[in-house]
PDB file of all heavy atoms in Angstrom:
ATOM      1  N   VAL A   1      96.754  21.819  55.131  1.00  0.00           N
ATOM      2  CA  VAL A   1      97.589  20.643  54.882  1.00  0.00           C
ATOM      3  C   VAL A   1      96.722  19.498  54.355  1.00  0.00           C
ATOM      4  O   VAL A   1      97.095  18.831  53.371  1.00  0.00           O
ATOM      5  CB  VAL A   1      98.248  20.171  56.229  1.00  0.00           C
ATOM      6  CG1 VAL A   1      98.936  18.882  56.026  1.00  0.00           C
ATOM      7  CG2 VAL A   1      99.241  21.298  56.682  1.00  0.00           C
ATOM      8  N   ALA A   2      95.593  19.230  55.030  1.00  0.00           N
ATOM      9  CA  ALA A   2      94.764  18.123  54.652  1.00  0.00           C
ATOM     10  C   ALA A   2      93.329  18.326  55.159  1.00  0.00           C
ATOM     11  O   ALA A   2      93.156  19.018  56.171  1.00  0.00           O
ATOM     12  CB  ALA A   2      95.259  16.746  55.175  1.00  0.00           C
ATOM     13  N   LYS A   3      92.384  17.684  54.501  1.00  0.00           N
ATOM     14  CA  LYS A   3      90.963  17.856  54.855  1.00  0.00           C
ATOM     15  C   LYS A   3      90.257  16.573  54.652  1.00  0.00           C
ATOM     16  O   LYS A   3      90.613  15.782  53.720  1.00  0.00           O
ATOM     17  CB  LYS A   3      90.399  18.940  53.933  1.00  0.00           C
ATOM     18  CG  LYS A   3      88.938  19.306  54.133  1.00  0.00           C
ATOM     19  CD  LYS A   3      88.635  20.425  53.148  1.00  0.00           C
ATOM     20  CE  LYS A   3      87.164  20.792  53.151  1.00  0.00           C
ATOM     21  NZ  LYS A   3      86.882  21.920  52.211  1.00  0.00           N
ATOM     22  N   ILE A   4      89.264  16.259  55.501  1.00  0.00           N
ATOM     23  CA  ILE A   4      88.508  15.038  55.357  1.00  0.00           C
ATOM     24  C   ILE A   4      87.071  15.324  55.630  1.00  0.00           C
ATOM     25  O   ILE A   4      86.699  15.962  56.664  1.00  0.00           O
ATOM     26  CB  ILE A   4      89.048  13.905  56.239  1.00  0.00           C
ATOM     27  CG1 ILE A   4      88.324  12.573  55.978  1.00  0.00           C
ATOM     28  CG2 ILE A   4      89.021  14.281  57.732  1.00  0.00           C
ATOM     29  CD1 ILE A   4      89.036  11.403  56.572  1.00  0.00           C
ATOM     30  N   THR A   5      86.188  14.815  54.821  1.00  0.00           N
ATOM     31  CA  THR A   5      84.747  15.071  54.978  1.00  0.00           C
ATOM     32  C   THR A   5      84.170  13.983  55.898  1.00  0.00           C
ATOM     33  O   THR A   5      84.806  12.994  56.286  1.00  0.00           O
ATOM     34  CB  THR A   5      83.968  15.051  53.649  1.00  0.00           C
ATOM     35  OG1 THR A   5      83.940  13.668  53.158  1.00  0.00           O
ATOM     36  CG2 THR A   5      84.617  15.927  52.588  1.00  0.00           C
ATOM     37  N   SER A   6      82.894  14.189  56.248  1.00  0.00           N
ATOM     38  CA  SER A   6      82.214  13.243  57.119  1.00  0.00           C
ATOM     39  C   SER A   6      82.020  11.887  56.430  1.00  0.00           C
ATOM     40  O   SER A   6      81.776  10.876  57.076  1.00  0.00           O
ATOM     41  CB  SER A   6      80.873  13.748  57.583  1.00  0.00           C
ATOM     42  OG  SER A   6      80.094  14.077  56.491  1.00  0.00           O
ATOM     43  N   HIS A   7      82.172  11.916  55.060  1.00  0.00           N
ATOM     44  CA  HIS A   7      82.013  10.644  54.298  1.00  0.00           C
ATOM     45  C   HIS A   7      83.379  10.036  53.992  1.00  0.00           C
ATOM     46  O   HIS A   7      83.487   8.983  53.303  1.00  0.00           O
ATOM     47  CB  HIS A   7      81.285  10.949  52.973  1.00  0.00           C
ATOM     48  CG  HIS A   7      79.918  11.475  53.156  1.00  0.00           C
ATOM     49  ND1 HIS A   7      78.881  10.760  53.709  1.00  0.00           N
ATOM     50  CD2 HIS A   7      79.397  12.749  52.969  1.00  0.00           C
ATOM     51  CE1 HIS A   7      77.794  11.450  53.769  1.00  0.00           C
ATOM     52  NE2 HIS A   7      78.109  12.684  53.311  1.00  0.00           N
ATOM     53  N   GLY A   8      84.426  10.643  54.531  1.00  0.00           N
ATOM     54  CA  GLY A   8      85.800  10.064  54.356  1.00  0.00           C
ATOM     55  C   GLY A   8      86.538  10.524  53.112  1.00  0.00           C
ATOM     56  O   GLY A   8      87.636  10.024  52.801  1.00  0.00           O
ATOM     57  N   ARG A   9      85.980  11.480  52.387  1.00  0.00           N
ATOM     58  CA  ARG A   9      86.685  12.004  51.201  1.00  0.00           C
ATOM     59  C   ARG A   9      87.847  12.925  51.683  1.00  0.00           C
ATOM     60  O   ARG A   9      87.617  13.764  52.521  1.00  0.00           O
ATOM     61  CB  ARG A   9      85.787  12.793  50.278  1.00  0.00           C
ATOM     62  CG  ARG A   9      86.420  13.395  49.107  1.00  0.00           C
ATOM     63  CD  ARG A   9      85.478  14.122  48.237  1.00  0.00           C
ATOM     64  NE  ARG A   9      86.117  14.781  47.082  1.00  0.00           N
ATOM     65  CZ  ARG A   9      85.535  15.519  46.184  1.00  0.00           C
ATOM     66  NH1 ARG A   9      84.237  15.709  46.260  1.00  0.00           N
ATOM     67  NH2 ARG A   9      86.202  16.053  45.180  1.00  0.00           N
ATOM     68  N   THR A  10      88.988  12.719  51.100  1.00  0.00           N
ATOM     69  CA  THR A  10      90.219  13.390  51.574  1.00  0.00           C
ATOM     70  C   THR A  10      90.719  14.352  50.517  1.00  0.00           C
ATOM     71  O   THR A  10      90.554  14.161  49.324  1.00  0.00           O
ATOM     72  CB  THR A  10      91.316  12.465  52.039  1.00  0.00           C
ATOM     73  OG1 THR A  10      91.697  11.626  50.885  1.00  0.00           O
ATOM     74  CG2 THR A  10      90.868  11.593  53.174  1.00  0.00           C
ATOM     75  N   GLU A  11      91.416  15.379  50.989  1.00  0.00           N
ATOM     76  CA  GLU A  11      92.085  16.387  50.100  1.00  0.00           C
ATOM     77  C   GLU A  11      93.409  16.748  50.768  1.00  0.00           C
ATOM     78  O   GLU A  11      93.417  16.945  52.011  1.00  0.00           O
ATOM     79  CB  GLU A  11      91.140  17.574  49.964  1.00  0.00           C
ATOM     80  CG  GLU A  11      91.738  18.757  49.188  1.00  0.00           C
ATOM     81  CD  GLU A  11      90.779  19.932  49.231  1.00  0.00           C
ATOM     82  OE1 GLU A  11      89.531  19.724  49.302  1.00  0.00           O
ATOM     83  OE2 GLU A  11      91.293  21.080  49.231  1.00  0.00           O
ATOM     84  N   TYR A  12      94.414  16.834  49.956  1.00  0.00           N
ATOM     85  CA  TYR A  12      95.762  17.196  50.507  1.00  0.00           C
ATOM     86  C   TYR A  12      96.343  18.361  49.760  1.00  0.00           C
ATOM     87  O   TYR A  12      96.141  18.531  48.544  1.00  0.00           O
ATOM     88  CB  TYR A  12      96.721  15.967  50.405  1.00  0.00           C
ATOM     89  CG  TYR A  12      96.345  14.825  51.270  1.00  0.00           C
ATOM     90  CD1 TYR A  12      95.566  13.774  50.749  1.00  0.00           C
ATOM     91  CD2 TYR A  12      96.729  14.715  52.584  1.00  0.00           C
ATOM     92  CE1 TYR A  12      95.196  12.670  51.527  1.00  0.00           C
ATOM     93  CE2 TYR A  12      96.397  13.647  53.342  1.00  0.00           C
ATOM     94  CZ  TYR A  12      95.617  12.615  52.846  1.00  0.00           C
ATOM     95  OH  TYR A  12      95.220  11.582  53.610  1.00  0.00           O
ATOM     96  N   ALA A  13      97.133  19.116  50.449  1.00  0.00           N
ATOM     97  CA  ALA A  13      97.907  20.151  49.805  1.00  0.00           C
ATOM     98  C   ALA A  13      98.995  19.540  48.864  1.00  0.00           C
ATOM     99  O   ALA A  13      99.467  18.422  49.160  1.00  0.00           O
ATOM    100  CB  ALA A  13      98.641  21.015  50.862  1.00  0.00           C
ATOM    101  N   ASP A  14      99.353  20.197  47.825  1.00  0.00           N
ATOM    102  CA  ASP A  14     100.320  19.635  46.900  1.00  0.00           C
ATOM    103  C   ASP A  14     101.645  19.287  47.558  1.00  0.00           C
ATOM    104  O   ASP A  14     102.255  18.321  47.153  1.00  0.00           O
ATOM    105  CB  ASP A  14     100.544  20.669  45.748  1.00  0.00           C
ATOM    106  CG  ASP A  14      99.344  20.780  44.861  1.00  0.00           C
ATOM    107  OD1 ASP A  14      98.460  19.949  44.906  1.00  0.00           O
ATOM    108  OD2 ASP A  14      99.222  21.821  44.149  1.00  0.00           O
ATOM    109  N   HIS A  15     102.071  20.117  48.506  1.00  0.00           N
ATOM    110  CA  HIS A  15     103.426  19.907  49.082  1.00  0.00           C
ATOM    111  C   HIS A  15     103.501  18.710  50.027  1.00  0.00           C
ATOM    112  O   HIS A  15     104.574  18.385  50.533  1.00  0.00           O
ATOM    113  CB  HIS A  15     103.886  21.157  49.831  1.00  0.00           C
ATOM    114  CG  HIS A  15     103.008  21.561  50.956  1.00  0.00           C
ATOM    115  ND1 HIS A  15     103.096  20.989  52.200  1.00  0.00           N
ATOM    116  CD2 HIS A  15     101.990  22.456  51.085  1.00  0.00           C
ATOM    117  CE1 HIS A  15     102.201  21.513  53.013  1.00  0.00           C
ATOM    118  NE2 HIS A  15     101.518  22.416  52.381  1.00  0.00           N
ATOM    119  N   VAL A  16     102.330  18.083  50.299  1.00  0.00           N
ATOM    120  CA  VAL A  16     102.270  16.962  51.265  1.00  0.00           C
ATOM    121  C   VAL A  16     103.114  15.776  50.697  1.00  0.00           C
ATOM    122  O   VAL A  16     103.717  15.029  51.521  1.00  0.00           O
ATOM    123  CB  VAL A  16     100.819  16.603  51.528  1.00  0.00           C
ATOM    124  CG1 VAL A  16     100.714  15.219  52.104  1.00  0.00           C
ATOM    125  CG2 VAL A  16     100.188  17.654  52.456  1.00  0.00           C
ATOM    126  N   GLU A  17     103.050  15.538  49.421  1.00  0.00           N
ATOM    127  CA  GLU A  17     103.895  14.500  48.737  1.00  0.00           C
ATOM    128  C   GLU A  17     103.728  13.134  49.330  1.00  0.00           C
ATOM    129  O   GLU A  17     104.652  12.375  49.432  1.00  0.00           O
ATOM    130  CB  GLU A  17     105.315  14.914  48.896  1.00  0.00           C
ATOM    131  CG  GLU A  17     105.682  16.242  48.135  1.00  0.00           C
ATOM    132  CD  GLU A  17     107.137  16.637  48.362  1.00  0.00           C
ATOM    133  OE1 GLU A  17     107.859  15.966  49.142  1.00  0.00           O
ATOM    134  OE2 GLU A  17     107.520  17.591  47.684  1.00  0.00           O
ATOM    135  N   GLY A  18     102.531  12.762  49.747  1.00  0.00           N
ATOM    136  CA  GLY A  18     102.224  11.389  50.183  1.00  0.00           C
ATOM    137  C   GLY A  18     102.742  11.059  51.581  1.00  0.00           C
ATOM    138  O   GLY A  18     102.566   9.899  52.020  1.00  0.00           O
ATOM    139  N   ARG A  19     103.320  12.017  52.287  1.00  0.00           N
ATOM    140  CA  ARG A  19     103.848  11.716  53.596  1.00  0.00           C
ATOM    141  C   ARG A  19     102.794  11.911  54.712  1.00  0.00           C
ATOM    142  O   ARG A  19     103.023  11.508  55.832  1.00  0.00           O
ATOM    143  CB  ARG A  19     105.059  12.580  53.908  1.00  0.00           C
ATOM    144  CG  ARG A  19     106.240  12.332  52.925  1.00  0.00           C
ATOM    145  CD  ARG A  19     107.486  13.121  53.366  1.00  0.00           C
ATOM    146  NE  ARG A  19     107.237  14.538  53.279  1.00  0.00           N
ATOM    147  CZ  ARG A  19     107.145  15.401  54.265  1.00  0.00           C
ATOM    148  NH1 ARG A  19     107.320  14.979  55.473  1.00  0.00           N
ATOM    149  NH2 ARG A  19     106.964  16.680  54.061  1.00  0.00           N
ATOM    150  N   PHE A  20     101.731  12.595  54.347  1.00  0.00           N
ATOM    151  CA  PHE A  20     100.672  12.879  55.339  1.00  0.00           C
ATOM    152  C   PHE A  20      99.456  12.077  55.046  1.00  0.00           C
ATOM    153  O   PHE A  20      99.069  11.947  53.863  1.00  0.00           O
ATOM    154  CB  PHE A  20     100.307  14.403  55.233  1.00  0.00           C
ATOM    155  CG  PHE A  20     101.370  15.360  55.699  1.00  0.00           C
ATOM    156  CD1 PHE A  20     102.622  15.382  55.153  1.00  0.00           C
ATOM    157  CD2 PHE A  20     101.063  16.248  56.688  1.00  0.00           C
ATOM    158  CE1 PHE A  20     103.592  16.259  55.570  1.00  0.00           C
ATOM    159  CE2 PHE A  20     102.013  17.162  57.148  1.00  0.00           C
ATOM    160  CZ  PHE A  20     103.274  17.178  56.594  1.00  0.00           C
ATOM    161  N   THR A  21      98.802  11.549  56.101  1.00  0.00           N
ATOM    162  CA  THR A  21      97.597  10.811  55.946  1.00  0.00           C
ATOM    163  C   THR A  21      96.583  11.341  56.967  1.00  0.00           C
ATOM    164  O   THR A  21      96.838  11.265  58.197  1.00  0.00           O
ATOM    165  CB  THR A  21      97.799   9.267  56.168  1.00  0.00           C
ATOM    166  OG1 THR A  21      98.793   8.838  55.227  1.00  0.00           O
ATOM    167  CG2 THR A  21      96.510   8.531  55.957  1.00  0.00           C
ATOM    168  N   ILE A  22      95.429  11.795  56.473  1.00  0.00           N
ATOM    169  CA  ILE A  22      94.432  12.258  57.381  1.00  0.00           C
ATOM    170  C   ILE A  22      93.338  11.176  57.541  1.00  0.00           C
ATOM    171  O   ILE A  22      93.065  10.489  56.515  1.00  0.00           O
ATOM    172  CB  ILE A  22      93.759  13.585  56.873  1.00  0.00           C
ATOM    173  CG1 ILE A  22      92.851  14.183  57.940  1.00  0.00           C
ATOM    174  CG2 ILE A  22      93.054  13.405  55.580  1.00  0.00           C
ATOM    175  CD1 ILE A  22      92.421  15.596  57.660  1.00  0.00           C
ATOM    176  N   SER A  23      92.860  10.975  58.688  1.00  0.00           N
ATOM    177  CA  SER A  23      91.765   9.978  58.911  1.00  0.00           C
ATOM    178  C   SER A  23      90.789  10.613  59.987  1.00  0.00           C
ATOM    179  O   SER A  23      91.108  11.590  60.584  1.00  0.00           O
ATOM    180  CB  SER A  23      92.319   8.673  59.389  1.00  0.00           C
ATOM    181  OG  SER A  23      93.072   8.849  60.598  1.00  0.00           O
ATOM    182  N   ARG A  24      89.742   9.887  60.103  1.00  0.00           N
ATOM    183  CA  ARG A  24      88.680  10.504  61.002  1.00  0.00           C
ATOM    184  C   ARG A  24      87.764   9.426  61.549  1.00  0.00           C
ATOM    185  O   ARG A  24      87.433   8.493  60.879  1.00  0.00           O
ATOM    186  CB  ARG A  24      87.839  11.511  60.120  1.00  0.00           C
ATOM    187  CG  ARG A  24      86.729  12.101  60.888  1.00  0.00           C
ATOM    188  CD  ARG A  24      86.023  13.182  60.085  1.00  0.00           C
ATOM    189  NE  ARG A  24      84.943  13.705  60.795  1.00  0.00           N
ATOM    190  CZ  ARG A  24      84.088  14.642  60.362  1.00  0.00           C
ATOM    191  NH1 ARG A  24      84.284  15.155  59.132  1.00  0.00           N
ATOM    192  NH2 ARG A  24      83.133  15.075  61.074  1.00  0.00           N
ATOM    193  N   ASP A  25      87.393   9.658  62.795  1.00  0.00           N
ATOM    194  CA  ASP A  25      86.264   8.923  63.395  1.00  0.00           C
ATOM    195  C   ASP A  25      85.086   9.863  63.380  1.00  0.00           C
ATOM    196  O   ASP A  25      84.893  10.611  64.353  1.00  0.00           O
ATOM    197  CB  ASP A  25      86.697   8.486  64.806  1.00  0.00           C
ATOM    198  CG  ASP A  25      85.562   7.653  65.461  1.00  0.00           C
ATOM    199  OD1 ASP A  25      84.504   7.627  64.939  1.00  0.00           O
ATOM    200  OD2 ASP A  25      85.853   7.113  66.574  1.00  0.00           O
ATOM    201  N   GLY A  26      84.346   9.812  62.294  1.00  0.00           N
ATOM    202  CA  GLY A  26      83.298  10.855  62.135  1.00  0.00           C
ATOM    203  C   GLY A  26      82.286  10.843  63.242  1.00  0.00           C
ATOM    204  O   GLY A  26      81.774  11.898  63.609  1.00  0.00           O
ATOM    205  N   ALA A  27      81.960   9.699  63.827  1.00  0.00           N
ATOM    206  CA  ALA A  27      80.916   9.642  64.847  1.00  0.00           C
ATOM    207  C   ALA A  27      81.311  10.437  66.094  1.00  0.00           C
ATOM    208  O   ALA A  27      80.481  10.804  66.878  1.00  0.00           O
ATOM    209  CB  ALA A  27      80.628   8.197  65.180  1.00  0.00           C
ATOM    210  N   LYS A  28      82.650  10.578  66.244  1.00  0.00           N
ATOM    211  CA  LYS A  28      83.127  11.277  67.439  1.00  0.00           C
ATOM    212  C   LYS A  28      83.767  12.596  67.187  1.00  0.00           C
ATOM    213  O   LYS A  28      84.324  13.206  68.077  1.00  0.00           O
ATOM    214  CB  LYS A  28      84.152  10.368  68.160  1.00  0.00           C
ATOM    215  CG  LYS A  28      83.621   9.051  68.629  1.00  0.00           C
ATOM    216  CD  LYS A  28      84.656   8.245  69.355  1.00  0.00           C
ATOM    217  CE  LYS A  28      84.085   6.907  69.831  1.00  0.00           C
ATOM    218  NZ  LYS A  28      85.113   6.104  70.559  1.00  0.00           N
ATOM    219  N   ASN A  29      83.659  13.089  65.928  1.00  0.00           N
ATOM    220  CA  ASN A  29      84.315  14.387  65.608  1.00  0.00           C
ATOM    221  C   ASN A  29      85.752  14.364  66.012  1.00  0.00           C
ATOM    222  O   ASN A  29      86.237  15.292  66.668  1.00  0.00           O
ATOM    223  CB  ASN A  29      83.590  15.535  66.206  1.00  0.00           C
ATOM    224  CG  ASN A  29      82.386  15.936  65.415  1.00  0.00           C
ATOM    225  OD1 ASN A  29      82.265  15.675  64.232  1.00  0.00           O
ATOM    226  ND2 ASN A  29      81.410  16.656  66.066  1.00  0.00           N
ATOM    227  N   THR A  30      86.429  13.282  65.667  1.00  0.00           N
ATOM    228  CA  THR A  30      87.864  13.141  65.958  1.00  0.00           C
ATOM    229  C   THR A  30      88.587  12.964  64.654  1.00  0.00           C
ATOM    230  O   THR A  30      88.200  12.112  63.839  1.00  0.00           O
ATOM    231  CB  THR A  30      88.121  11.957  66.889  1.00  0.00           C
ATOM    232  OG1 THR A  30      87.420  12.228  68.137  1.00  0.00           O
ATOM    233  CG2 THR A  30      89.601  11.807  67.134  1.00  0.00           C
ATOM    234  N   ALA A  31      89.703  13.669  64.465  1.00  0.00           N
ATOM    235  CA  ALA A  31      90.471  13.555  63.250  1.00  0.00           C
ATOM    236  C   ALA A  31      91.964  13.330  63.639  1.00  0.00           C
ATOM    237  O   ALA A  31      92.415  13.743  64.719  1.00  0.00           O
ATOM    238  CB  ALA A  31      90.373  14.809  62.386  1.00  0.00           C
ATOM    239  N   PHE A  32      92.671  12.660  62.758  1.00  0.00           N
ATOM    240  CA  PHE A  32      94.059  12.321  62.976  1.00  0.00           C
ATOM    241  C   PHE A  32      94.876  12.790  61.754  1.00  0.00           C
ATOM    242  O   PHE A  32      94.340  12.775  60.618  1.00  0.00           O
ATOM    243  CB  PHE A  32      94.262  10.841  63.234  1.00  0.00           C
ATOM    244  CG  PHE A  32      93.405  10.277  64.290  1.00  0.00           C
ATOM    245  CD1 PHE A  32      92.218   9.664  64.001  1.00  0.00           C
ATOM    246  CD2 PHE A  32      93.826  10.331  65.605  1.00  0.00           C
ATOM    247  CE1 PHE A  32      91.414   9.125  65.006  1.00  0.00           C
ATOM    248  CE2 PHE A  32      93.018   9.817  66.631  1.00  0.00           C
ATOM    249  CZ  PHE A  32      91.816   9.252  66.357  1.00  0.00           C
TER     250      PHE A  32
END
């Protein structure tokens, strides 16, 4: 569905259509 690197770079599946947002607190290995 979505992917985020430790530097904050994001990637989304085509079908997401802007409704999904991935974020991350990299220092804590926590993603939303």
